[in-house]
Amino acid sequence: MSIKVRDDEGKQKYAFSYPIVWPDGSEFSVYSSPDNRRMLLKHSSGSHIEFKDDGSIIVKAVKDLAIDCGSVNDGSNEGNNPSSSMSVINCDTDLTINVKGALRIEAKTFDLVGNESLKMNTSGDLITNGNNNIIKCKEQIALDSPKSVYVSANELRENITARTTEAGSSESDKMKGLGGNNVTRVHGHHVIENTDPKGGITIKSAGYLNIVTAAERIDITGDPAAVAPKYDPTPFGKATYTHIIRPYPGPTPKGVPGSAYFEVGPGGYTQLITGPTIRKQTGTSFHTFTGPFVENYIGYKNKNVTLSEFVAIGGILDIDAKMIFLN
């Protein structure tokens, strides 16, 4: 909006003009024509304050504009006079502030309220700095960055009801199938815990799955003590790899509590042990072999049977030994 010092001179009648002009160009004029009521207070530099016929006020500063709202009033409300310790600007229509240079607002406290919406746009950096930054919303918070999002904190806590993380995916059909990368690095301890006894944790991979550890590994299944807020599996470690199955069935039991099931094939099963093997079993053992069974012992074999042993052979029994002792 351009600023006019004078309105249409044709609407101004000389009889209703009361101009006071000083030799240096300073002016204080009052125009009371019916269609052009105006008041002008002008400095010789060109800075002026003008009151328009429609009630508008135009303030033009050729150089700097300073507004000082300080008051000697102590803020009291004596004599039903409103306190002058607060300055208010009311605008019933739109208000635009255009600044070609830098805009700085400094206050003891600063409240910014948008009753319908609030937007902040910048072509450069947007920096917020405070002791505590709190962002609250009633519905959604969206972070959309075409390059990267970086979070740096000594402690990061999240409290959420449901969480979905997608890496290497996009809503655009042109971007699907490109794949991505999701890496989590921890220098210290990393715990994934589900505190709901009826809940679960599933790790699913459409490709390969690697579980790698440079130190000991302990797997404990079916232990009712694991529902406790604090559960340390370290004392249960018996070897470099320890897997303990306890008899707690859980909310959705499968099979006999404390049981284990292993299925492999048809590619075969290979077990390579370079050290001693100790096996203790208190229940019944059943072995069924539908193919050839071959045992090779480089050293000696010692077999002790406390009770009876029954051997039923439907075919040929061939024993080849240098010496046989029967007692």
C-alpha atoms as a PDB file:
ATOM      1  CA  MET A   1       0.000   0.000   0.000  1.00  0.00           C
ATOM      2  CA  SER A   2       1.437   3.345  -1.049  1.00  0.00           C
ATOM      3  CA  ILE A   3       1.438   6.216   1.413  1.00  0.00           C
ATOM      4  CA  LYS A   4      -0.198   9.481   0.343  1.00  0.00           C
ATOM      5  CA  VAL A   5       0.661  12.747   1.999  1.00  0.00           C
ATOM      6  CA  ARG A   6      -2.143  14.506   0.156  1.00  0.00           C
ATOM      7  CA  ASP A   7      -5.511  13.164  -0.960  1.00  0.00           C
ATOM      8  CA  ASP A   8      -7.429  14.318  -3.998  1.00  0.00           C
ATOM      9  CA  GLU A   9      -7.021  18.058  -3.966  1.00  0.00           C
ATOM     10  CA  GLY A  10     -10.281  18.429  -5.901  1.00  0.00           C
ATOM     11  CA  LYS A  11     -12.219  17.322  -2.829  1.00  0.00           C
ATOM     12  CA  GLN A  12     -10.467  19.812  -0.637  1.00  0.00           C
ATOM     13  CA  LYS A  13     -12.127  23.177  -0.151  1.00  0.00           C
ATOM     14  CA  TYR A  14      -9.966  26.147   0.708  1.00  0.00           C
ATOM     15  CA  ALA A  15     -12.441  27.456   3.278  1.00  0.00           C
ATOM     16  CA  PHE A  16     -12.012  24.275   5.326  1.00  0.00           C
ATOM     17  CA  SER A  17      -8.203  24.236   5.141  1.00  0.00           C
ATOM     18  CA  TYR A  18      -6.084  25.330   8.077  1.00  0.00           C
ATOM     19  CA  PRO A  19      -2.459  24.764   7.038  1.00  0.00           C
ATOM     20  CA  ILE A  20       0.501  25.861   9.129  1.00  0.00           C
ATOM     21  CA  VAL A  21       3.781  25.538   7.208  1.00  0.00           C
ATOM     22  CA  TRP A  22       7.156  26.629   8.554  1.00  0.00           C
ATOM     23  CA  PRO A  23      10.032  27.880   6.361  1.00  0.00           C
ATOM     24  CA  ASP A  24      12.037  24.625   6.839  1.00  0.00           C
ATOM     25  CA  GLY A  25       9.149  22.556   5.440  1.00  0.00           C
ATOM     26  CA  SER A  26       7.631  21.452   8.723  1.00  0.00           C
ATOM     27  CA  GLU A  27       3.862  21.393   8.623  1.00  0.00           C
ATOM     28  CA  PHE A  28       0.836  21.009  10.846  1.00  0.00           C
ATOM     29  CA  SER A  29      -2.348  21.169   8.808  1.00  0.00           C
ATOM     30  CA  VAL A  30      -6.001  20.405   9.445  1.00  0.00           C
ATOM     31  CA  TYR A  31      -8.399  19.812   6.533  1.00  0.00           C
ATOM     32  CA  SER A  32     -12.079  19.669   7.508  1.00  0.00           C
ATOM     33  CA  SER A  33     -13.746  19.454   4.086  1.00  0.00           C
ATOM     34  CA  PRO A  34     -16.812  17.157   4.245  1.00  0.00           C
ATOM     35  CA  ASP A  35     -15.328  14.586   1.827  1.00  0.00           C
ATOM     36  CA  ASN A  36     -11.683  14.995   2.775  1.00  0.00           C
ATOM     37  CA  ARG A  37     -11.238  15.363   6.526  1.00  0.00           C
ATOM     38  CA  ARG A  38      -7.585  14.964   7.281  1.00  0.00           C
ATOM     39  CA  MET A  39      -4.889  16.007   9.720  1.00  0.00           C
ATOM     40  CA  LEU A  40      -1.185  16.110   8.900  1.00  0.00           C
ATOM     41  CA  LEU A  41       1.824  16.480  11.150  1.00  0.00           C
ATOM     42  CA  LYS A  42       4.946  16.593   8.996  1.00  0.00           C
ATOM     43  CA  HIS A  43       8.629  17.101   9.786  1.00  0.00           C
ATOM     44  CA  SER A  44      11.036  18.892   7.483  1.00  0.00           C
ATOM     45  CA  SER A  45      12.824  15.555   6.847  1.00  0.00           C
ATOM     46  CA  GLY A  46       9.699  14.096   5.268  1.00  0.00           C
ATOM     47  CA  SER A  47       8.639  11.948   8.221  1.00  0.00           C
ATOM     48  CA  HIS A  48       4.984  12.519   9.026  1.00  0.00           C
ATOM     49  CA  ILE A  49       1.834  11.280  10.730  1.00  0.00           C
ATOM     50  CA  GLU A  50      -1.377  11.569   8.734  1.00  0.00           C
ATOM     51  CA  PHE A  51      -4.976  10.978   9.839  1.00  0.00           C
ATOM     52  CA  LYS A  52      -7.176   9.999   6.874  1.00  0.00           C
ATOM     53  CA  ASP A  53     -10.826  10.736   6.208  1.00  0.00           C
ATOM     54  CA  ASP A  54     -11.813   7.052   6.691  1.00  0.00           C
ATOM     55  CA  GLY A  55     -10.111   6.859  10.100  1.00  0.00           C
ATOM     56  CA  SER A  56      -6.834   5.419   8.848  1.00  0.00           C
ATOM     57  CA  ILE A  57      -3.565   6.601  10.345  1.00  0.00           C
ATOM     58  CA  ILE A  58      -0.376   6.622   8.310  1.00  0.00           C
ATOM     59  CA  VAL A  59       2.998   6.898  10.006  1.00  0.00           C
ATOM     60  CA  LYS A  60       6.054   7.322   7.817  1.00  0.00           C
ATOM     61  CA  ALA A  61       9.607   7.421   9.146  1.00  0.00           C
ATOM     62  CA  VAL A  62      12.218   8.454   6.603  1.00  0.00           C
ATOM     63  CA  LYS A  63      14.892   6.761   8.746  1.00  0.00           C
ATOM     64  CA  ASP A  64      14.411   4.937  12.069  1.00  0.00           C
ATOM     65  CA  LEU A  65      11.154   4.406  13.944  1.00  0.00           C
ATOM     66  CA  ALA A  66      11.346   3.968  17.721  1.00  0.00           C
ATOM     67  CA  ILE A  67       8.344   3.361  19.978  1.00  0.00           C
ATOM     68  CA  ASP A  68       8.926   3.648  23.715  1.00  0.00           C
ATOM     69  CA  CYS A  69       6.098   2.279  25.854  1.00  0.00           C
ATOM     70  CA  GLY A  70       7.816   2.977  29.165  1.00  0.00           C
ATOM     71  CA  SER A  71       5.785   4.666  31.858  1.00  0.00           C
ATOM     72  CA  VAL A  72       6.421   6.213  35.257  1.00  0.00           C
ATOM     73  CA  ASN A  73       3.170   4.636  36.412  1.00  0.00           C
ATOM     74  CA  ASP A  74       3.832   1.965  39.041  1.00  0.00           C
ATOM     75  CA  GLY A  75       1.093  -0.266  37.652  1.00  0.00           C
ATOM     76  CA  SER A  76      -1.483   0.589  40.305  1.00  0.00           C
ATOM     77  CA  ASN A  77      -5.147   1.065  39.466  1.00  0.00           C
ATOM     78  CA  GLU A  78      -5.935   3.961  41.778  1.00  0.00           C
ATOM     79  CA  GLY A  79      -8.942   6.100  40.991  1.00  0.00           C
ATOM     80  CA  ASN A  80     -10.372   3.517  38.582  1.00  0.00           C
ATOM     81  CA  ASN A  81      -7.724   4.514  36.074  1.00  0.00           C
ATOM     82  CA  PRO A  82      -6.460   1.597  34.029  1.00  0.00           C
ATOM     83  CA  SER A  83      -2.858   0.666  34.566  1.00  0.00           C
ATOM     84  CA  SER A  84      -0.438   1.925  31.953  1.00  0.00           C
ATOM     85  CA  SER A  85       2.006  -0.929  32.584  1.00  0.00           C
ATOM     86  CA  MET A  86       0.612  -2.822  29.549  1.00  0.00           C
ATOM     87  CA  SER A  87       0.547  -1.684  25.924  1.00  0.00           C
ATOM     88  CA  VAL A  88      -1.925  -3.317  23.530  1.00  0.00           C
ATOM     89  CA  ILE A  89      -2.279  -3.197  19.737  1.00  0.00           C
ATOM     90  CA  ASN A  90      -5.720  -4.310  18.528  1.00  0.00           C
ATOM     91  CA  CYS A  91      -6.413  -4.940  14.861  1.00  0.00           C
ATOM     92  CA  ASP A  92      -9.821  -6.207  13.699  1.00  0.00           C
ATOM     93  CA  THR A  93      -8.561  -6.933  10.184  1.00  0.00           C
ATOM     94  CA  ASP A  94      -5.427  -8.392   8.649  1.00  0.00           C
ATOM     95  CA  LEU A  95      -2.051  -6.993   9.731  1.00  0.00           C
ATOM     96  CA  THR A  96       1.105  -7.342   7.654  1.00  0.00           C
ATOM     97  CA  ILE A  97       4.609  -6.380   8.755  1.00  0.00           C
ATOM     98  CA  ASN A  98       7.181  -6.294   5.957  1.00  0.00           C
ATOM     99  CA  VAL A  99      10.811  -5.928   6.991  1.00  0.00           C
ATOM    100  CA  LYS A 100      13.575  -5.901   4.386  1.00  0.00           C
ATOM    101  CA  GLY A 101      16.262  -6.068   7.036  1.00  0.00           C
ATOM    102  CA  ALA A 102      16.462  -8.031  10.280  1.00  0.00           C
ATOM    103  CA  LEU A 103      13.526  -8.282  12.706  1.00  0.00           C
ATOM    104  CA  ARG A 104      14.321  -8.885  16.369  1.00  0.00           C
ATOM    105  CA  ILE A 105      11.723  -9.243  19.120  1.00  0.00           C
ATOM    106  CA  GLU A 106      12.942  -9.389  22.709  1.00  0.00           C
ATOM    107  CA  ALA A 107      10.658  -9.866  25.693  1.00  0.00           C
ATOM    108  CA  LYS A 108      10.676 -11.258  29.214  1.00  0.00           C
ATOM    109  CA  THR A 109       8.000 -13.762  28.164  1.00  0.00           C
ATOM    110  CA  PHE A 110       6.750 -14.330  24.617  1.00  0.00           C
ATOM    111  CA  ASP A 111       3.431 -15.937  23.699  1.00  0.00           C
ATOM    112  CA  LEU A 112       2.568 -16.610  20.057  1.00  0.00           C
ATOM    113  CA  VAL A 113      -1.018 -17.792  19.474  1.00  0.00           C
ATOM    114  CA  GLY A 114      -2.666 -18.780  16.213  1.00  0.00           C
ATOM    115  CA  ASN A 115      -6.367 -19.417  16.781  1.00  0.00           C
ATOM    116  CA  GLU A 116      -6.812 -21.137  13.399  1.00  0.00           C
ATOM    117  CA  SER A 117      -3.330 -21.873  12.086  1.00  0.00           C
ATOM    118  CA  LEU A 118       0.293 -20.854  12.592  1.00  0.00           C
ATOM    119  CA  LYS A 119       2.952 -21.063   9.893  1.00  0.00           C
ATOM    120  CA  MET A 120       6.673 -20.357   9.939  1.00  0.00           C
ATOM    121  CA  ASN A 121       8.523 -20.357   6.613  1.00  0.00           C
ATOM    122  CA  THR A 122      12.169 -19.641   5.952  1.00  0.00           C
ATOM    123  CA  SER A 123      14.497 -20.272   3.034  1.00  0.00           C
ATOM    124  CA  GLY A 124      17.420 -20.592   5.439  1.00  0.00           C
ATOM    125  CA  ASP A 125      17.913 -22.185   8.847  1.00  0.00           C
ATOM    126  CA  LEU A 126      15.238 -22.329  11.549  1.00  0.00           C
ATOM    127  CA  ILE A 127      16.822 -22.456  15.011  1.00  0.00           C
ATOM    128  CA  THR A 128      15.048 -22.704  18.364  1.00  0.00           C
ATOM    129  CA  ASN A 129      17.114 -22.537  21.532  1.00  0.00           C
ATOM    130  CA  GLY A 130      15.773 -22.924  25.059  1.00  0.00           C
ATOM    131  CA  ASN A 131      16.292 -24.735  28.342  1.00  0.00           C
ATOM    132  CA  ASN A 132      13.214 -26.906  27.761  1.00  0.00           C
ATOM    133  CA  ASN A 133      11.484 -27.191  24.398  1.00  0.00           C
ATOM    134  CA  ILE A 134       8.022 -28.734  24.629  1.00  0.00           C
ATOM    135  CA  ILE A 135       5.847 -29.425  21.581  1.00  0.00           C
ATOM    136  CA  LYS A 136       2.273 -30.553  22.229  1.00  0.00           C
ATOM    137  CA  CYS A 137      -0.493 -31.319  19.778  1.00  0.00           C
ATOM    138  CA  LYS A 138      -3.960 -32.860  19.955  1.00  0.00           C
ATOM    139  CA  GLU A 139      -3.639 -34.954  16.792  1.00  0.00           C
ATOM    140  CA  GLN A 140      -0.447 -35.381  14.753  1.00  0.00           C
ATOM    141  CA  ILE A 141       3.160 -34.255  14.469  1.00  0.00           C
ATOM    142  CA  ALA A 142       4.832 -34.720  11.086  1.00  0.00           C
ATOM    143  CA  LEU A 143       8.564 -34.407  10.374  1.00  0.00           C
ATOM    144  CA  ASP A 144       9.216 -34.404   6.624  1.00  0.00           C
ATOM    145  CA  SER A 145      12.827 -34.008   5.535  1.00  0.00           C
ATOM    146  CA  PRO A 146      14.003 -34.985   2.028  1.00  0.00           C
ATOM    147  CA  LYS A 147      17.584 -35.425   3.273  1.00  0.00           C
ATOM    148  CA  SER A 148      18.081 -36.350   6.928  1.00  0.00           C
ATOM    149  CA  VAL A 149      16.808 -36.022  10.490  1.00  0.00           C
ATOM    150  CA  TYR A 150      19.407 -35.837  13.257  1.00  0.00           C
ATOM    151  CA  VAL A 151      18.632 -36.157  16.971  1.00  0.00           C
ATOM    152  CA  SER A 152      21.400 -35.694  19.548  1.00  0.00           C
ATOM    153  CA  ALA A 153      20.652 -36.096  23.267  1.00  0.00           C
ATOM    154  CA  ASN A 154      22.206 -37.529  26.402  1.00  0.00           C
ATOM    155  CA  GLU A 155      18.923 -39.353  27.083  1.00  0.00           C
ATOM    156  CA  LEU A 156      16.054 -40.159  24.711  1.00  0.00           C
ATOM    157  CA  ARG A 157      12.761 -41.466  26.126  1.00  0.00           C
ATOM    158  CA  GLU A 158       9.652 -42.392  24.155  1.00  0.00           C
ATOM    159  CA  ASN A 159       6.186 -43.245  25.444  1.00  0.00           C
ATOM    160  CA  ILE A 160       3.963 -44.460  22.599  1.00  0.00           C
ATOM    161  CA  THR A 161       1.008 -46.812  22.130  1.00  0.00           C
ATOM    162  CA  ALA A 162       1.826 -48.063  18.629  1.00  0.00           C
ATOM    163  CA  ARG A 163       4.907 -47.608  16.476  1.00  0.00           C
ATOM    164  CA  THR A 164       5.627 -48.355  12.819  1.00  0.00           C
ATOM    165  CA  THR A 165       9.017 -47.731  11.240  1.00  0.00           C
ATOM    166  CA  GLU A 166       9.535 -48.074   7.495  1.00  0.00           C
ATOM    167  CA  ALA A 167      13.008 -47.883   5.993  1.00  0.00           C
ATOM    168  CA  GLY A 168      13.608 -47.814   2.264  1.00  0.00           C
ATOM    169  CA  SER A 169       9.899 -47.543   1.431  1.00  0.00           C
ATOM    170  CA  SER A 170       7.814 -44.816  -0.132  1.00  0.00           C
ATOM    171  CA  GLU A 171       4.188 -44.148  -0.890  1.00  0.00           C
ATOM    172  CA  SER A 172       5.114 -43.441  -4.507  1.00  0.00           C
ATOM    173  CA  ASP A 173       4.880 -46.467  -6.815  1.00  0.00           C
ATOM    174  CA  LYS A 174       8.012 -45.316  -8.642  1.00  0.00           C
ATOM    175  CA  MET A 175      10.080 -45.564  -5.463  1.00  0.00           C
ATOM    176  CA  LYS A 176       8.873 -48.985  -4.272  1.00  0.00           C
ATOM    177  CA  GLY A 177      11.356 -51.821  -4.375  1.00  0.00           C
ATOM    178  CA  LEU A 178      14.478 -49.657  -4.174  1.00  0.00           C
ATOM    179  CA  GLY A 179      15.304 -50.874  -0.668  1.00  0.00           C
ATOM    180  CA  GLY A 180      16.948 -49.005   2.168  1.00  0.00           C
ATOM    181  CA  ASN A 181      19.067 -49.396   5.265  1.00  0.00           C
ATOM    182  CA  ASN A 182      18.218 -49.333   8.977  1.00  0.00           C
ATOM    183  CA  VAL A 183      21.131 -49.400  11.440  1.00  0.00           C
ATOM    184  CA  THR A 184      20.976 -49.125  15.257  1.00  0.00           C
ATOM    185  CA  ARG A 185      24.305 -48.716  17.063  1.00  0.00           C
ATOM    186  CA  VAL A 186      24.669 -48.746  20.847  1.00  0.00           C
ATOM    187  CA  HIS A 187      27.816 -48.140  22.862  1.00  0.00           C
ATOM    188  CA  GLY A 188      26.726 -49.794  26.106  1.00  0.00           C
ATOM    189  CA  HIS A 189      23.648 -51.927  26.809  1.00  0.00           C
ATOM    190  CA  HIS A 190      20.691 -52.446  24.476  1.00  0.00           C
ATOM    191  CA  VAL A 191      17.491 -53.986  25.877  1.00  0.00           C
ATOM    192  CA  ILE A 192      14.325 -54.851  23.946  1.00  0.00           C
ATOM    193  CA  GLU A 193      11.647 -55.580  26.539  1.00  0.00           C
ATOM    194  CA  ASN A 194       7.954 -56.415  26.333  1.00  0.00           C
ATOM    195  CA  THR A 195       6.240 -55.995  29.718  1.00  0.00           C
ATOM    196  CA  ASP A 196       2.892 -57.481  28.613  1.00  0.00           C
ATOM    197  CA  PRO A 197       2.726 -61.200  29.602  1.00  0.00           C
ATOM    198  CA  LYS A 198       0.184 -61.776  26.810  1.00  0.00           C
ATOM    199  CA  GLY A 199       2.193 -59.843  24.245  1.00  0.00           C
ATOM    200  CA  GLY A 200       5.142 -60.931  22.162  1.00  0.00           C
ATOM    201  CA  ILE A 201       8.158 -59.895  20.112  1.00  0.00           C
ATOM    202  CA  THR A 202       8.543 -61.122  16.538  1.00  0.00           C
ATOM    203  CA  ILE A 203      11.626 -60.722  14.353  1.00  0.00           C
ATOM    204  CA  LYS A 204      10.690 -61.440  10.734  1.00  0.00           C
ATOM    205  CA  SER A 205      12.945 -61.231   7.725  1.00  0.00           C
ATOM    206  CA  ALA A 206      11.984 -61.811   4.095  1.00  0.00           C
ATOM    207  CA  GLY A 207      15.682 -62.368   3.422  1.00  0.00           C
ATOM    208  CA  TYR A 208      18.451 -63.607   5.685  1.00  0.00           C
ATOM    209  CA  LEU A 209      18.706 -63.177   9.463  1.00  0.00           C
ATOM    210  CA  ASN A 210      22.003 -63.014  11.362  1.00  0.00           C
ATOM    211  CA  ILE A 211      22.431 -63.144  15.139  1.00  0.00           C
ATOM    212  CA  VAL A 212      26.080 -62.414  15.946  1.00  0.00           C
ATOM    213  CA  THR A 213      27.693 -61.979  19.344  1.00  0.00           C
ATOM    214  CA  ALA A 214      31.384 -61.648  20.213  1.00  0.00           C
ATOM    215  CA  ALA A 215      30.862 -62.888  23.777  1.00  0.00           C
ATOM    216  CA  GLU A 216      28.506 -65.232  25.612  1.00  0.00           C
ATOM    217  CA  ARG A 217      24.899 -65.832  24.637  1.00  0.00           C
ATOM    218  CA  ILE A 218      22.117 -66.920  26.999  1.00  0.00           C
ATOM    219  CA  ASP A 219      18.650 -67.992  25.800  1.00  0.00           C
ATOM    220  CA  ILE A 220      15.988 -68.642  28.452  1.00  0.00           C
ATOM    221  CA  THR A 221      12.515 -69.872  27.519  1.00  0.00           C
ATOM    222  CA  GLY A 222       9.532 -70.587  29.757  1.00  0.00           C
ATOM    223  CA  ASP A 223      10.802 -68.884  32.915  1.00  0.00           C
ATOM    224  CA  PRO A 224       7.899 -67.249  34.866  1.00  0.00           C
ATOM    225  CA  ALA A 225      10.368 -64.965  36.666  1.00  0.00           C
ATOM    226  CA  ALA A 226      10.999 -63.151  33.374  1.00  0.00           C
ATOM    227  CA  VAL A 227       7.772 -61.136  33.812  1.00  0.00           C
ATOM    228  CA  ALA A 228       9.394 -59.251  36.709  1.00  0.00           C
ATOM    229  CA  PRO A 229      10.406 -55.637  35.994  1.00  0.00           C
ATOM    230  CA  LYS A 230      14.037 -56.519  36.669  1.00  0.00           C
ATOM    231  CA  TYR A 231      15.341 -59.823  35.329  1.00  0.00           C
ATOM    232  CA  ASP A 232      19.040 -60.546  34.916  1.00  0.00           C
ATOM    233  CA  PRO A 233      19.826 -63.659  32.819  1.00  0.00           C
ATOM    234  CA  THR A 234      23.575 -63.439  33.466  1.00  0.00           C
ATOM    235  CA  PRO A 235      23.661 -65.855  36.476  1.00  0.00           C
ATOM    236  CA  PHE A 236      22.076 -68.594  34.317  1.00  0.00           C
ATOM    237  CA  GLY A 237      25.011 -68.711  31.908  1.00  0.00           C
ATOM    238  CA  LYS A 238      26.732 -72.129  31.957  1.00  0.00           C
ATOM    239  CA  ALA A 239      28.859 -71.933  28.819  1.00  0.00           C
ATOM    240  CA  THR A 240      29.642 -69.704  25.864  1.00  0.00           C
ATOM    241  CA  TYR A 241      26.171 -70.577  24.583  1.00  0.00           C
ATOM    242  CA  THR A 242      23.437 -71.479  27.073  1.00  0.00           C
ATOM    243  CA  HIS A 243      19.837 -72.327  26.233  1.00  0.00           C
ATOM    244  CA  ILE A 244      17.536 -73.134  29.152  1.00  0.00           C
ATOM    245  CA  ILE A 245      13.935 -74.267  28.722  1.00  0.00           C
ATOM    246  CA  ARG A 246      11.723 -73.957  31.793  1.00  0.00           C
ATOM    247  CA  PRO A 247       8.212 -75.469  32.203  1.00  0.00           C
ATOM    248  CA  TYR A 248       6.155 -72.232  32.289  1.00  0.00           C
ATOM    249  CA  PRO A 249       3.531 -72.632  29.495  1.00  0.00           C
ATOM    250  CA  GLY A 250       2.571 -68.967  29.048  1.00  0.00           C
ATOM    251  CA  PRO A 251      -0.800 -67.664  27.763  1.00  0.00           C
ATOM    252  CA  THR A 252      -0.734 -69.737  24.539  1.00  0.00           C
ATOM    253  CA  PRO A 253       0.975 -73.055  25.345  1.00  0.00           C
ATOM    254  CA  LYS A 254       2.189 -75.353  22.583  1.00  0.00           C
ATOM    255  CA  GLY A 255       2.814 -78.993  23.476  1.00  0.00           C
ATOM    256  CA  VAL A 256       3.947 -80.167  26.884  1.00  0.00           C
ATOM    257  CA  PRO A 257       5.290 -77.375  29.145  1.00  0.00           C
ATOM    258  CA  GLY A 258       9.066 -77.418  29.163  1.00  0.00           C
ATOM    259  CA  SER A 259       9.326 -79.307  25.862  1.00  0.00           C
ATOM    260  CA  ALA A 260      11.417 -78.525  22.777  1.00  0.00           C
ATOM    261  CA  TYR A 261      10.885 -79.380  19.109  1.00  0.00           C
ATOM    262  CA  PHE A 262      13.448 -79.191  16.323  1.00  0.00           C
ATOM    263  CA  GLU A 263      12.771 -79.964  12.657  1.00  0.00           C
ATOM    264  CA  VAL A 264      15.215 -79.858   9.765  1.00  0.00           C
ATOM    265  CA  GLY A 265      15.365 -81.218   6.248  1.00  0.00           C
ATOM    266  CA  PRO A 266      15.546 -82.440   3.616  1.00  0.00           C
ATOM    267  CA  GLY A 267      19.014 -80.979   3.338  1.00  0.00           C
ATOM    268  CA  GLY A 268      20.366 -82.939   6.286  1.00  0.00           C
ATOM    269  CA  TYR A 269      21.753 -82.184   9.733  1.00  0.00           C
ATOM    270  CA  THR A 270      25.431 -81.799  10.664  1.00  0.00           C
ATOM    271  CA  GLN A 271      26.784 -81.561  14.188  1.00  0.00           C
ATOM    272  CA  LEU A 272      30.489 -80.882  14.704  1.00  0.00           C
ATOM    273  CA  ILE A 273      31.806 -81.003  18.270  1.00  0.00           C
ATOM    274  CA  THR A 274      35.532 -80.872  18.965  1.00  0.00           C
ATOM    275  CA  GLY A 275      35.278 -81.188  22.744  1.00  0.00           C
ATOM    276  CA  PRO A 276      33.578 -83.584  25.145  1.00  0.00           C
ATOM    277  CA  THR A 277      29.807 -84.108  25.024  1.00  0.00           C
ATOM    278  CA  ILE A 278      27.754 -84.712  28.178  1.00  0.00           C
ATOM    279  CA  ARG A 279      24.101 -85.645  27.945  1.00  0.00           C
ATOM    280  CA  LYS A 280      21.803 -86.342  30.889  1.00  0.00           C
ATOM    281  CA  GLN A 281      18.233 -87.454  30.329  1.00  0.00           C
ATOM    282  CA  THR A 282      15.700 -88.451  32.970  1.00  0.00           C
ATOM    283  CA  GLY A 283      12.813 -89.352  30.658  1.00  0.00           C
ATOM    284  CA  THR A 284      12.215 -91.902  27.926  1.00  0.00           C
ATOM    285  CA  SER A 285      14.244 -91.623  24.725  1.00  0.00           C
ATOM    286  CA  PHE A 286      12.898 -92.719  21.339  1.00  0.00           C
ATOM    287  CA  HIS A 287      15.007 -92.824  18.186  1.00  0.00           C
ATOM    288  CA  THR A 288      13.635 -93.733  14.771  1.00  0.00           C
ATOM    289  CA  PHE A 289      15.944 -93.963  11.757  1.00  0.00           C
ATOM    290  CA  THR A 290      14.416 -94.637   8.348  1.00  0.00           C
ATOM    291  CA  GLY A 291      17.762 -94.588   6.556  1.00  0.00           C
ATOM    292  CA  PRO A 292      21.213 -96.060   7.180  1.00  0.00           C
ATOM    293  CA  PHE A 293      22.755 -95.414  10.597  1.00  0.00           C
ATOM    294  CA  VAL A 294      26.555 -95.353  10.852  1.00  0.00           C
ATOM    295  CA  GLU A 295      28.627 -94.781  13.994  1.00  0.00           C
ATOM    296  CA  ASN A 296      32.386 -94.334  13.885  1.00  0.00           C
ATOM    297  CA  TYR A 297      34.444 -94.155  17.093  1.00  0.00           C
ATOM    298  CA  ILE A 298      38.138 -93.315  16.818  1.00  0.00           C
ATOM    299  CA  GLY A 299      38.708 -94.102  20.504  1.00  0.00           C
ATOM    300  CA  TYR A 300      36.966 -96.517  22.837  1.00  0.00           C
ATOM    301  CA  LYS A 301      33.250 -96.773  23.577  1.00  0.00           C
ATOM    302  CA  ASN A 302      32.008 -97.542  27.089  1.00  0.00           C
ATOM    303  CA  LYS A 303      28.323 -98.380  27.489  1.00  0.00           C
ATOM    304  CA  ASN A 304      26.669 -99.007  30.865  1.00  0.00           C
ATOM    305  CA  VAL A 305      23.081-100.241  31.172  1.00  0.00           C
ATOM    306  CA  THR A 306      21.688-100.345  34.720  1.00  0.00           C
ATOM    307  CA  LEU A 307      18.613-102.428  33.845  1.00  0.00           C
ATOM    308  CA  SER A 308      17.810-104.666  30.913  1.00  0.00           C
ATOM    309  CA  GLU A 309      18.633-104.008  27.249  1.00  0.00           C
ATOM    310  CA  PHE A 310      16.567-105.548  24.472  1.00  0.00           C
ATOM    311  CA  VAL A 311      17.771-105.641  20.877  1.00  0.00           C
ATOM    312  CA  ALA A 312      15.453-106.745  18.058  1.00  0.00           C
ATOM    313  CA  ILE A 313      17.039-107.061  14.654  1.00  0.00           C
ATOM    314  CA  GLY A 314      14.911-107.906  11.673  1.00  0.00           C
ATOM    315  CA  GLY A 315      17.884-108.464   9.391  1.00  0.00           C
ATOM    316  CA  ILE A 316      21.498-109.565   9.824  1.00  0.00           C
ATOM    317  CA  LEU A 317      23.670-108.773  12.844  1.00  0.00           C
ATOM    318  CA  ASP A 318      27.316-108.679  11.811  1.00  0.00           C
ATOM    319  CA  ILE A 319      29.942-108.110  14.530  1.00  0.00           C
ATOM    320  CA  ASP A 320      33.601-107.918  13.505  1.00  0.00           C
ATOM    321  CA  ALA A 321      36.103-107.629  16.379  1.00  0.00           C
ATOM    322  CA  LYS A 322      39.558-108.849  17.190  1.00  0.00           C
ATOM    323  CA  MET A 323      38.439-110.155  20.564  1.00  0.00           C
ATOM    324  CA  ILE A 324      35.026-110.612  22.197  1.00  0.00           C
ATOM    325  CA  PHE A 325      34.530-111.040  25.961  1.00  0.00           C
ATOM    326  CA  LEU A 326      31.171-112.251  27.234  1.00  0.00           C
ATOM    327  CA  ASN A 327      30.371-112.488  30.923  1.00  0.00           C
END
